[in-house]
ModelCIF file with pLDDT and N, C-alpha, C, O atoms, coordinates in Angstrom:
data_MODEL
#
_entry.id   MODEL 
#
_entity.id                         1 
_entity.type                       polymer 
_entity.pdbx_number_of_molecules   1 
#
_entity_poly.entity_id                      1 
_entity_poly.type                           'polypeptide(L)' 
_entity_poly.nstd_linkage                   no 
_entity_poly.nstd_monomer                   no 
_entity_poly.pdbx_seq_one_letter_code       RQAPGKEREGVAAIYTGGGSTNYVDSVKGRFTISQDNAKRMVYL 
_entity_poly.pdbx_seq_one_letter_code_can   RQAPGKEREGVAAIYTGGGSTNYVDSVKGRFTISQDNAKRMVYL 
_entity_poly.pdbx_strand_id                 A 
#
loop_
_entity_poly_seq.entity_id 
_entity_poly_seq.num 
_entity_poly_seq.mon_id 
_entity_poly_seq.hetero 
1 1  ARG n 
1 2  GLN n 
1 3  ALA n 
1 4  PRO n 
1 5  GLY n 
1 6  LYS n 
1 7  GLU n 
1 8  ARG n 
1 9  GLU n 
1 10 GLY n 
1 11 VAL n 
1 12 ALA n 
1 13 ALA n 
1 14 ILE n 
1 15 TYR n 
1 16 THR n 
1 17 GLY n 
1 18 GLY n 
1 19 GLY n 
1 20 SER n 
1 21 THR n 
1 22 ASN n 
1 23 TYR n 
1 24 VAL n 
1 25 ASP n 
1 26 SER n 
1 27 VAL n 
1 28 LYS n 
1 29 GLY n 
1 30 ARG n 
1 31 PHE n 
1 32 THR n 
1 33 ILE n 
1 34 SER n 
1 35 GLN n 
1 36 ASP n 
1 37 ASN n 
1 38 ALA n 
1 39 LYS n 
1 40 ARG n 
1 41 MET n 
1 42 VAL n 
1 43 TYR n 
1 44 LEU n 
#
_struct_asym.id          A 
_struct_asym.entity_id   1 
#
loop_
_ma_qa_metric.id 
_ma_qa_metric.mode 
_ma_qa_metric.name 
_ma_qa_metric.software_group_id 
_ma_qa_metric.type 
1 global pLDDT . pLDDT 
2 local  pLDDT . pLDDT 
#
_ma_qa_metric_global.metric_id      1 
_ma_qa_metric_global.metric_value   95.68 
_ma_qa_metric_global.model_id       1 
_ma_qa_metric_global.ordinal_id     1 
#
loop_
_ma_qa_metric_local.label_asym_id 
_ma_qa_metric_local.label_comp_id 
_ma_qa_metric_local.label_seq_id 
_ma_qa_metric_local.metric_id 
_ma_qa_metric_local.metric_value 
_ma_qa_metric_local.model_id 
_ma_qa_metric_local.ordinal_id 
A ARG 1  2 98.00 1 1  
A GLN 2  2 98.00 1 2  
A ALA 3  2 97.00 1 3  
A PRO 4  2 92.00 1 4  
A GLY 5  2 94.00 1 5  
A LYS 6  2 95.00 1 6  
A GLU 7  2 95.00 1 7  
A ARG 8  2 95.00 1 8  
A GLU 9  2 96.00 1 9  
A GLY 10 2 98.00 1 10 
A VAL 11 2 98.00 1 11 
A ALA 12 2 98.00 1 12 
A ALA 13 2 98.00 1 13 
A ILE 14 2 97.00 1 14 
A TYR 15 2 96.00 1 15 
A THR 16 2 94.00 1 16 
A GLY 17 2 92.00 1 17 
A GLY 18 2 91.00 1 18 
A GLY 19 2 93.00 1 19 
A SER 20 2 95.00 1 20 
A THR 21 2 97.00 1 21 
A ASN 22 2 97.00 1 22 
A TYR 23 2 98.00 1 23 
A VAL 24 2 98.00 1 24 
A ASP 25 2 97.00 1 25 
A SER 26 2 97.00 1 26 
A VAL 27 2 98.00 1 27 
A LYS 28 2 98.00 1 28 
A GLY 29 2 98.00 1 29 
A ARG 30 2 98.00 1 30 
A PHE 31 2 98.00 1 31 
A THR 32 2 98.00 1 32 
A ILE 33 2 98.00 1 33 
A SER 34 2 97.00 1 34 
A GLN 35 2 96.00 1 35 
A ASP 36 2 94.00 1 36 
A ASN 37 2 87.00 1 37 
A ALA 38 2 88.00 1 38 
A LYS 39 2 91.00 1 39 
A ARG 40 2 90.00 1 40 
A MET 41 2 95.00 1 41 
A VAL 42 2 96.00 1 42 
A TYR 43 2 98.00 1 43 
A LEU 44 2 98.00 1 44 
#
loop_
_atom_site.group_PDB 
_atom_site.id 
_atom_site.type_symbol 
_atom_site.label_atom_id 
_atom_site.label_alt_id 
_atom_site.label_comp_id 
_atom_site.label_asym_id 
_atom_site.label_entity_id 
_atom_site.label_seq_id 
_atom_site.pdbx_PDB_ins_code 
_atom_site.Cartn_x 
_atom_site.Cartn_y 
_atom_site.Cartn_z 
_atom_site.occupancy 
_atom_site.B_iso_or_equiv 
_atom_site.pdbx_formal_charge 
_atom_site.auth_seq_id 
_atom_site.auth_comp_id 
_atom_site.auth_asym_id 
_atom_site.auth_atom_id 
_atom_site.pdbx_PDB_model_num 
ATOM 1   N N  . ARG A 1 1  ? 54.194 186.499 111.968 1.00 98.00 ? 1  ARG A N  1 
ATOM 2   C CA . ARG A 1 1  ? 53.690 187.163 113.293 1.00 98.00 ? 1  ARG A CA 1 
ATOM 3   C C  . ARG A 1 1  ? 53.527 188.630 112.883 1.00 98.00 ? 1  ARG A C  1 
ATOM 4   O O  . ARG A 1 1  ? 53.475 188.920 111.687 1.00 98.00 ? 1  ARG A O  1 
ATOM 5   N N  . GLN A 1 2  ? 53.432 189.712 113.988 1.00 98.00 ? 2  GLN A N  1 
ATOM 6   C CA . GLN A 1 2  ? 52.763 190.723 113.966 1.00 98.00 ? 2  GLN A CA 1 
ATOM 7   C C  . GLN A 1 2  ? 52.909 191.835 115.167 1.00 98.00 ? 2  GLN A C  1 
ATOM 8   O O  . GLN A 1 2  ? 52.112 191.881 116.104 1.00 98.00 ? 2  GLN A O  1 
ATOM 9   N N  . ALA A 1 3  ? 53.792 192.539 115.052 1.00 97.00 ? 3  ALA A N  1 
ATOM 10  C CA . ALA A 1 3  ? 54.109 193.377 116.650 1.00 97.00 ? 3  ALA A CA 1 
ATOM 11  C C  . ALA A 1 3  ? 53.273 194.234 115.970 1.00 97.00 ? 3  ALA A C  1 
ATOM 12  O O  . ALA A 1 3  ? 52.962 194.300 114.781 1.00 97.00 ? 3  ALA A O  1 
ATOM 13  N N  . PRO A 1 4  ? 52.723 195.389 117.707 1.00 92.00 ? 4  PRO A N  1 
ATOM 14  C CA . PRO A 1 4  ? 52.255 196.432 117.394 1.00 92.00 ? 4  PRO A CA 1 
ATOM 15  C C  . PRO A 1 4  ? 52.870 197.854 117.005 1.00 92.00 ? 4  PRO A C  1 
ATOM 16  O O  . PRO A 1 4  ? 53.823 198.517 117.415 1.00 92.00 ? 4  PRO A O  1 
ATOM 17  N N  . GLY A 1 5  ? 51.752 198.040 115.893 1.00 94.00 ? 5  GLY A N  1 
ATOM 18  C CA . GLY A 1 5  ? 52.308 199.363 115.083 1.00 94.00 ? 5  GLY A CA 1 
ATOM 19  C C  . GLY A 1 5  ? 52.619 198.947 113.514 1.00 94.00 ? 5  GLY A C  1 
ATOM 20  O O  . GLY A 1 5  ? 52.507 199.692 112.540 1.00 94.00 ? 5  GLY A O  1 
ATOM 21  N N  . LYS A 1 6  ? 53.128 197.267 113.525 1.00 95.00 ? 6  LYS A N  1 
ATOM 22  C CA . LYS A 1 6  ? 53.971 197.089 112.369 1.00 95.00 ? 6  LYS A CA 1 
ATOM 23  C C  . LYS A 1 6  ? 53.006 196.122 111.510 1.00 95.00 ? 6  LYS A C  1 
ATOM 24  O O  . LYS A 1 6  ? 51.829 195.831 111.723 1.00 95.00 ? 6  LYS A O  1 
ATOM 25  N N  . GLU A 1 7  ? 53.825 195.736 110.526 1.00 95.00 ? 7  GLU A N  1 
ATOM 26  C CA . GLU A 1 7  ? 52.720 194.944 109.334 1.00 95.00 ? 7  GLU A CA 1 
ATOM 27  C C  . GLU A 1 7  ? 52.977 193.386 109.458 1.00 95.00 ? 7  GLU A C  1 
ATOM 28  O O  . GLU A 1 7  ? 54.096 192.983 109.775 1.00 95.00 ? 7  GLU A O  1 
ATOM 29  N N  . ARG A 1 8  ? 52.156 192.700 109.260 1.00 95.00 ? 8  ARG A N  1 
ATOM 30  C CA . ARG A 1 8  ? 52.448 191.325 109.386 1.00 95.00 ? 8  ARG A CA 1 
ATOM 31  C C  . ARG A 1 8  ? 53.550 191.049 108.685 1.00 95.00 ? 8  ARG A C  1 
ATOM 32  O O  . ARG A 1 8  ? 53.798 191.779 107.725 1.00 95.00 ? 8  ARG A O  1 
ATOM 33  N N  . GLU A 1 9  ? 54.503 189.878 109.023 1.00 96.00 ? 9  GLU A N  1 
ATOM 34  C CA . GLU A 1 9  ? 55.504 189.521 108.293 1.00 96.00 ? 9  GLU A CA 1 
ATOM 35  C C  . GLU A 1 9  ? 55.773 187.982 108.192 1.00 96.00 ? 9  GLU A C  1 
ATOM 36  O O  . GLU A 1 9  ? 55.296 187.465 109.202 1.00 96.00 ? 9  GLU A O  1 
ATOM 37  N N  . GLY A 1 10 ? 56.258 187.188 107.504 1.00 98.00 ? 10 GLY A N  1 
ATOM 38  C CA . GLY A 1 10 ? 56.416 185.996 107.447 1.00 98.00 ? 10 GLY A CA 1 
ATOM 39  C C  . GLY A 1 10 ? 57.647 185.491 108.240 1.00 98.00 ? 10 GLY A C  1 
ATOM 40  O O  . GLY A 1 10 ? 58.564 186.266 108.512 1.00 98.00 ? 10 GLY A O  1 
ATOM 41  N N  . VAL A 1 11 ? 57.659 184.538 108.511 1.00 98.00 ? 11 VAL A N  1 
ATOM 42  C CA . VAL A 1 11 ? 58.670 183.906 109.602 1.00 98.00 ? 11 VAL A CA 1 
ATOM 43  C C  . VAL A 1 11 ? 59.146 182.580 108.867 1.00 98.00 ? 11 VAL A C  1 
ATOM 44  O O  . VAL A 1 11 ? 60.149 182.680 108.160 1.00 98.00 ? 11 VAL A O  1 
ATOM 45  N N  . ALA A 1 12 ? 58.587 181.485 108.959 1.00 98.00 ? 12 ALA A N  1 
ATOM 46  C CA . ALA A 1 12 ? 58.734 180.245 108.491 1.00 98.00 ? 12 ALA A CA 1 
ATOM 47  C C  . ALA A 1 12 ? 57.718 179.337 107.635 1.00 98.00 ? 12 ALA A C  1 
ATOM 48  O O  . ALA A 1 12 ? 56.529 179.499 107.907 1.00 98.00 ? 12 ALA A O  1 
ATOM 49  N N  . ALA A 1 13 ? 58.044 178.384 106.615 1.00 98.00 ? 13 ALA A N  1 
ATOM 50  C CA . ALA A 1 13 ? 57.155 177.714 106.190 1.00 98.00 ? 13 ALA A CA 1 
ATOM 51  C C  . ALA A 1 13 ? 57.441 175.921 105.899 1.00 98.00 ? 13 ALA A C  1 
ATOM 52  O O  . ALA A 1 13 ? 58.574 175.491 105.684 1.00 98.00 ? 13 ALA A O  1 
ATOM 53  N N  . ILE A 1 14 ? 56.628 175.334 105.926 1.00 97.00 ? 14 ILE A N  1 
ATOM 54  C CA . ILE A 1 14 ? 56.932 173.880 105.297 1.00 97.00 ? 14 ILE A CA 1 
ATOM 55  C C  . ILE A 1 14 ? 56.024 173.214 104.509 1.00 97.00 ? 14 ILE A C  1 
ATOM 56  O O  . ILE A 1 14 ? 54.879 173.641 104.656 1.00 97.00 ? 14 ILE A O  1 
ATOM 57  N N  . TYR A 1 15 ? 56.109 172.566 103.945 1.00 96.00 ? 15 TYR A N  1 
ATOM 58  C CA . TYR A 1 15 ? 55.482 171.908 102.515 1.00 96.00 ? 15 TYR A CA 1 
ATOM 59  C C  . TYR A 1 15 ? 55.527 170.396 103.622 1.00 96.00 ? 15 TYR A C  1 
ATOM 60  O O  . TYR A 1 15 ? 56.509 169.750 103.987 1.00 96.00 ? 15 TYR A O  1 
ATOM 61  N N  . THR A 1 16 ? 54.165 170.209 103.914 1.00 94.00 ? 16 THR A N  1 
ATOM 62  C CA . THR A 1 16 ? 53.583 169.205 104.497 1.00 94.00 ? 16 THR A CA 1 
ATOM 63  C C  . THR A 1 16 ? 53.959 167.781 103.777 1.00 94.00 ? 16 THR A C  1 
ATOM 64  O O  . THR A 1 16 ? 54.393 166.793 104.369 1.00 94.00 ? 16 THR A O  1 
ATOM 65  N N  . GLY A 1 17 ? 53.729 167.878 102.529 1.00 92.00 ? 17 GLY A N  1 
ATOM 66  C CA . GLY A 1 17 ? 54.155 166.558 101.912 1.00 92.00 ? 17 GLY A CA 1 
ATOM 67  C C  . GLY A 1 17 ? 55.472 166.047 101.917 1.00 92.00 ? 17 GLY A C  1 
ATOM 68  O O  . GLY A 1 17 ? 55.609 164.825 101.966 1.00 92.00 ? 17 GLY A O  1 
ATOM 69  N N  . GLY A 1 18 ? 56.515 166.823 101.873 1.00 91.00 ? 18 GLY A N  1 
ATOM 70  C CA . GLY A 1 18 ? 57.589 166.152 101.856 1.00 91.00 ? 18 GLY A CA 1 
ATOM 71  C C  . GLY A 1 18 ? 58.600 166.995 102.881 1.00 91.00 ? 18 GLY A C  1 
ATOM 72  O O  . GLY A 1 18 ? 59.774 166.625 102.838 1.00 91.00 ? 18 GLY A O  1 
ATOM 73  N N  . GLY A 1 19 ? 58.301 168.030 103.753 1.00 93.00 ? 19 GLY A N  1 
ATOM 74  C CA . GLY A 1 19 ? 58.995 168.732 104.920 1.00 93.00 ? 19 GLY A CA 1 
ATOM 75  C C  . GLY A 1 19 ? 59.952 169.528 104.783 1.00 93.00 ? 19 GLY A C  1 
ATOM 76  O O  . GLY A 1 19 ? 60.670 170.003 105.663 1.00 93.00 ? 19 GLY A O  1 
ATOM 77  N N  . SER A 1 20 ? 59.994 169.763 103.150 1.00 95.00 ? 20 SER A N  1 
ATOM 78  C CA . SER A 1 20 ? 60.955 171.211 103.215 1.00 95.00 ? 20 SER A CA 1 
ATOM 79  C C  . SER A 1 20 ? 60.253 172.290 103.612 1.00 95.00 ? 20 SER A C  1 
ATOM 80  O O  . SER A 1 20 ? 59.027 172.395 103.642 1.00 95.00 ? 20 SER A O  1 
ATOM 81  N N  . THR A 1 21 ? 61.285 173.311 103.999 1.00 97.00 ? 21 THR A N  1 
ATOM 82  C CA . THR A 1 21 ? 61.154 173.965 104.489 1.00 97.00 ? 21 THR A CA 1 
ATOM 83  C C  . THR A 1 21 ? 61.690 175.548 104.363 1.00 97.00 ? 21 THR A C  1 
ATOM 84  O O  . THR A 1 21 ? 62.892 175.522 104.099 1.00 97.00 ? 21 THR A O  1 
ATOM 85  N N  . ASN A 1 22 ? 61.302 176.594 104.443 1.00 97.00 ? 22 ASN A N  1 
ATOM 86  C CA . ASN A 1 22 ? 61.912 178.061 104.516 1.00 97.00 ? 22 ASN A CA 1 
ATOM 87  C C  . ASN A 1 22 ? 61.789 178.769 105.590 1.00 97.00 ? 22 ASN A C  1 
ATOM 88  O O  . ASN A 1 22 ? 61.054 178.506 106.541 1.00 97.00 ? 22 ASN A O  1 
ATOM 89  N N  . TYR A 1 23 ? 62.827 180.108 105.422 1.00 98.00 ? 23 TYR A N  1 
ATOM 90  C CA . TYR A 1 23 ? 62.526 180.714 106.780 1.00 98.00 ? 23 TYR A CA 1 
ATOM 91  C C  . TYR A 1 23 ? 63.180 182.363 105.776 1.00 98.00 ? 23 TYR A C  1 
ATOM 92  O O  . TYR A 1 23 ? 63.711 182.526 104.678 1.00 98.00 ? 23 TYR A O  1 
ATOM 93  N N  . VAL A 1 24 ? 62.779 183.231 106.842 1.00 98.00 ? 24 VAL A N  1 
ATOM 94  C CA . VAL A 1 24 ? 63.177 184.395 106.365 1.00 98.00 ? 24 VAL A CA 1 
ATOM 95  C C  . VAL A 1 24 ? 64.434 184.612 107.143 1.00 98.00 ? 24 VAL A C  1 
ATOM 96  O O  . VAL A 1 24 ? 64.654 184.083 108.232 1.00 98.00 ? 24 VAL A O  1 
ATOM 97  N N  . ASP A 1 25 ? 65.393 185.571 106.405 1.00 97.00 ? 25 ASP A N  1 
ATOM 98  C CA . ASP A 1 25 ? 66.438 185.998 106.708 1.00 97.00 ? 25 ASP A CA 1 
ATOM 99  C C  . ASP A 1 25 ? 66.711 186.017 108.711 1.00 97.00 ? 25 ASP A C  1 
ATOM 100 O O  . ASP A 1 25 ? 67.619 185.505 109.365 1.00 97.00 ? 25 ASP A O  1 
ATOM 101 N N  . SER A 1 26 ? 65.814 186.617 109.052 1.00 97.00 ? 26 SER A N  1 
ATOM 102 C CA . SER A 1 26 ? 65.942 187.277 110.402 1.00 97.00 ? 26 SER A CA 1 
ATOM 103 C C  . SER A 1 26 ? 65.843 186.233 111.342 1.00 97.00 ? 26 SER A C  1 
ATOM 104 O O  . SER A 1 26 ? 66.212 186.346 112.511 1.00 97.00 ? 26 SER A O  1 
ATOM 105 N N  . VAL A 1 27 ? 65.246 185.004 110.747 1.00 98.00 ? 27 VAL A N  1 
ATOM 106 C CA . VAL A 1 27 ? 65.128 183.823 111.926 1.00 98.00 ? 27 VAL A CA 1 
ATOM 107 C C  . VAL A 1 27 ? 66.104 182.705 111.614 1.00 98.00 ? 27 VAL A C  1 
ATOM 108 O O  . VAL A 1 27 ? 66.243 181.781 112.416 1.00 98.00 ? 27 VAL A O  1 
ATOM 109 N N  . LYS A 1 28 ? 66.742 182.750 110.552 1.00 98.00 ? 28 LYS A N  1 
ATOM 110 C CA . LYS A 1 28 ? 67.395 181.906 110.004 1.00 98.00 ? 28 LYS A CA 1 
ATOM 111 C C  . LYS A 1 28 ? 68.616 181.245 111.091 1.00 98.00 ? 28 LYS A C  1 
ATOM 112 O O  . LYS A 1 28 ? 69.413 182.097 111.486 1.00 98.00 ? 28 LYS A O  1 
ATOM 113 N N  . GLY A 1 29 ? 68.768 180.284 111.444 1.00 98.00 ? 29 GLY A N  1 
ATOM 114 C CA . GLY A 1 29 ? 69.600 179.471 112.285 1.00 98.00 ? 29 GLY A CA 1 
ATOM 115 C C  . GLY A 1 29 ? 69.046 179.778 113.946 1.00 98.00 ? 29 GLY A C  1 
ATOM 116 O O  . GLY A 1 29 ? 69.572 179.137 114.856 1.00 98.00 ? 29 GLY A O  1 
ATOM 117 N N  . ARG A 1 30 ? 68.472 180.316 114.106 1.00 98.00 ? 30 ARG A N  1 
ATOM 118 C CA . ARG A 1 30 ? 67.605 180.282 115.216 1.00 98.00 ? 30 ARG A CA 1 
ATOM 119 C C  . ARG A 1 30 ? 66.146 179.888 115.648 1.00 98.00 ? 30 ARG A C  1 
ATOM 120 O O  . ARG A 1 30 ? 65.788 179.713 116.813 1.00 98.00 ? 30 ARG A O  1 
ATOM 121 N N  . PHE A 1 31 ? 65.162 179.748 114.245 1.00 98.00 ? 31 PHE A N  1 
ATOM 122 C CA . PHE A 1 31 ? 64.010 178.834 114.644 1.00 98.00 ? 31 PHE A CA 1 
ATOM 123 C C  . PHE A 1 31 ? 63.649 178.048 114.060 1.00 98.00 ? 31 PHE A C  1 
ATOM 124 O O  . PHE A 1 31 ? 63.506 178.539 112.940 1.00 98.00 ? 31 PHE A O  1 
ATOM 125 N N  . THR A 1 32 ? 63.304 176.819 114.029 1.00 98.00 ? 32 THR A N  1 
ATOM 126 C CA . THR A 1 32 ? 62.941 175.637 113.159 1.00 98.00 ? 32 THR A CA 1 
ATOM 127 C C  . THR A 1 32 ? 61.229 175.520 113.113 1.00 98.00 ? 32 THR A C  1 
ATOM 128 O O  . THR A 1 32 ? 60.443 175.566 114.059 1.00 98.00 ? 32 THR A O  1 
ATOM 129 N N  . ILE A 1 33 ? 61.002 175.379 111.890 1.00 98.00 ? 33 ILE A N  1 
ATOM 130 C CA . ILE A 1 33 ? 59.839 174.669 111.829 1.00 98.00 ? 33 ILE A CA 1 
ATOM 131 C C  . ILE A 1 33 ? 59.761 172.932 111.528 1.00 98.00 ? 33 ILE A C  1 
ATOM 132 O O  . ILE A 1 33 ? 60.567 172.301 110.844 1.00 98.00 ? 33 ILE A O  1 
ATOM 133 N N  . SER A 1 34 ? 58.736 172.460 112.140 1.00 97.00 ? 34 SER A N  1 
ATOM 134 C CA . SER A 1 34 ? 58.935 170.975 111.774 1.00 97.00 ? 34 SER A CA 1 
ATOM 135 C C  . SER A 1 34 ? 57.032 170.710 111.949 1.00 97.00 ? 34 SER A C  1 
ATOM 136 O O  . SER A 1 34 ? 56.222 171.498 112.437 1.00 97.00 ? 34 SER A O  1 
ATOM 137 N N  . GLN A 1 35 ? 56.782 169.373 111.374 1.00 96.00 ? 35 GLN A N  1 
ATOM 138 C CA . GLN A 1 35 ? 55.315 168.866 111.756 1.00 96.00 ? 35 GLN A CA 1 
ATOM 139 C C  . GLN A 1 35 ? 55.433 167.497 112.068 1.00 96.00 ? 35 GLN A C  1 
ATOM 140 O O  . GLN A 1 35 ? 56.382 166.733 111.893 1.00 96.00 ? 35 GLN A O  1 
ATOM 141 N N  . ASP A 1 36 ? 54.227 167.294 112.598 1.00 94.00 ? 36 ASP A N  1 
ATOM 142 C CA . ASP A 1 36 ? 54.200 165.834 112.818 1.00 94.00 ? 36 ASP A CA 1 
ATOM 143 C C  . ASP A 1 36 ? 52.727 165.547 112.254 1.00 94.00 ? 36 ASP A C  1 
ATOM 144 O O  . ASP A 1 36 ? 51.777 165.749 113.010 1.00 94.00 ? 36 ASP A O  1 
ATOM 145 N N  . ASN A 1 37 ? 52.525 165.122 111.063 1.00 87.00 ? 37 ASN A N  1 
ATOM 146 C CA . ASN A 1 37 ? 51.291 165.038 110.028 1.00 87.00 ? 37 ASN A CA 1 
ATOM 147 C C  . ASN A 1 37 ? 50.104 164.016 110.427 1.00 87.00 ? 37 ASN A C  1 
ATOM 148 O O  . ASN A 1 37 ? 48.915 164.136 110.132 1.00 87.00 ? 37 ASN A O  1 
ATOM 149 N N  . ALA A 1 38 ? 50.899 162.671 111.390 1.00 88.00 ? 38 ALA A N  1 
ATOM 150 C CA . ALA A 1 38 ? 49.849 162.006 112.179 1.00 88.00 ? 38 ALA A CA 1 
ATOM 151 C C  . ALA A 1 38 ? 48.975 162.520 112.962 1.00 88.00 ? 38 ALA A C  1 
ATOM 152 O O  . ALA A 1 38 ? 47.779 162.233 112.904 1.00 88.00 ? 38 ALA A O  1 
ATOM 153 N N  . LYS A 1 39 ? 49.639 163.595 114.039 1.00 91.00 ? 39 LYS A N  1 
ATOM 154 C CA . LYS A 1 39 ? 49.010 164.283 114.741 1.00 91.00 ? 39 LYS A CA 1 
ATOM 155 C C  . LYS A 1 39 ? 48.590 165.168 114.330 1.00 91.00 ? 39 LYS A C  1 
ATOM 156 O O  . LYS A 1 39 ? 47.949 165.717 115.226 1.00 91.00 ? 39 LYS A O  1 
ATOM 157 N N  . ARG A 1 40 ? 48.514 166.069 112.853 1.00 90.00 ? 40 ARG A N  1 
ATOM 158 C CA . ARG A 1 40 ? 48.228 167.038 112.225 1.00 90.00 ? 40 ARG A CA 1 
ATOM 159 C C  . ARG A 1 40 ? 48.434 168.305 113.093 1.00 90.00 ? 40 ARG A C  1 
ATOM 160 O O  . ARG A 1 40 ? 47.647 169.119 113.576 1.00 90.00 ? 40 ARG A O  1 
ATOM 161 N N  . MET A 1 41 ? 49.956 168.156 113.114 1.00 95.00 ? 41 MET A N  1 
ATOM 162 C CA . MET A 1 41 ? 50.702 169.497 114.078 1.00 95.00 ? 41 MET A CA 1 
ATOM 163 C C  . MET A 1 41 ? 51.926 169.969 113.633 1.00 95.00 ? 41 MET A C  1 
ATOM 164 O O  . MET A 1 41 ? 52.880 169.277 113.279 1.00 95.00 ? 41 MET A O  1 
ATOM 165 N N  . VAL A 1 42 ? 51.846 171.388 113.672 1.00 96.00 ? 42 VAL A N  1 
ATOM 166 C CA . VAL A 1 42 ? 53.116 172.220 112.962 1.00 96.00 ? 42 VAL A CA 1 
ATOM 167 C C  . VAL A 1 42 ? 53.608 172.854 114.298 1.00 96.00 ? 42 VAL A C  1 
ATOM 168 O O  . VAL A 1 42 ? 52.886 173.220 115.225 1.00 96.00 ? 42 VAL A O  1 
ATOM 169 N N  . TYR A 1 43 ? 54.955 172.916 114.231 1.00 98.00 ? 43 TYR A N  1 
ATOM 170 C CA . TYR A 1 43 ? 55.480 173.522 115.355 1.00 98.00 ? 43 TYR A CA 1 
ATOM 171 C C  . TYR A 1 43 ? 56.718 174.353 114.707 1.00 98.00 ? 43 TYR A C  1 
ATOM 172 O O  . TYR A 1 43 ? 57.311 174.080 113.664 1.00 98.00 ? 43 TYR A O  1 
ATOM 173 N N  . LEU A 1 44 ? 57.005 175.662 115.778 1.00 98.00 ? 44 LEU A N  1 
ATOM 174 C CA . LEU A 1 44 ? 57.880 176.426 115.901 1.00 98.00 ? 44 LEU A CA 1 
ATOM 175 C C  . LEU A 1 44 ? 58.808 176.376 116.930 1.00 98.00 ? 44 LEU A C  1 
ATOM 176 O O  . LEU A 1 44 ? 59.704 177.218 116.995 1.00 98.00 ? 44 LEU A O  1 
#
């Protein structure tokens, strides 16, 4: 994500092969990244 006047920052990531996830501290517990490989979709 990137807010006006600020640098782009990471939010969340997912390994598509196994579904493991990684979050930055500011969104942990609030955001969830997930996937549907059959549909080739990723969600936040």
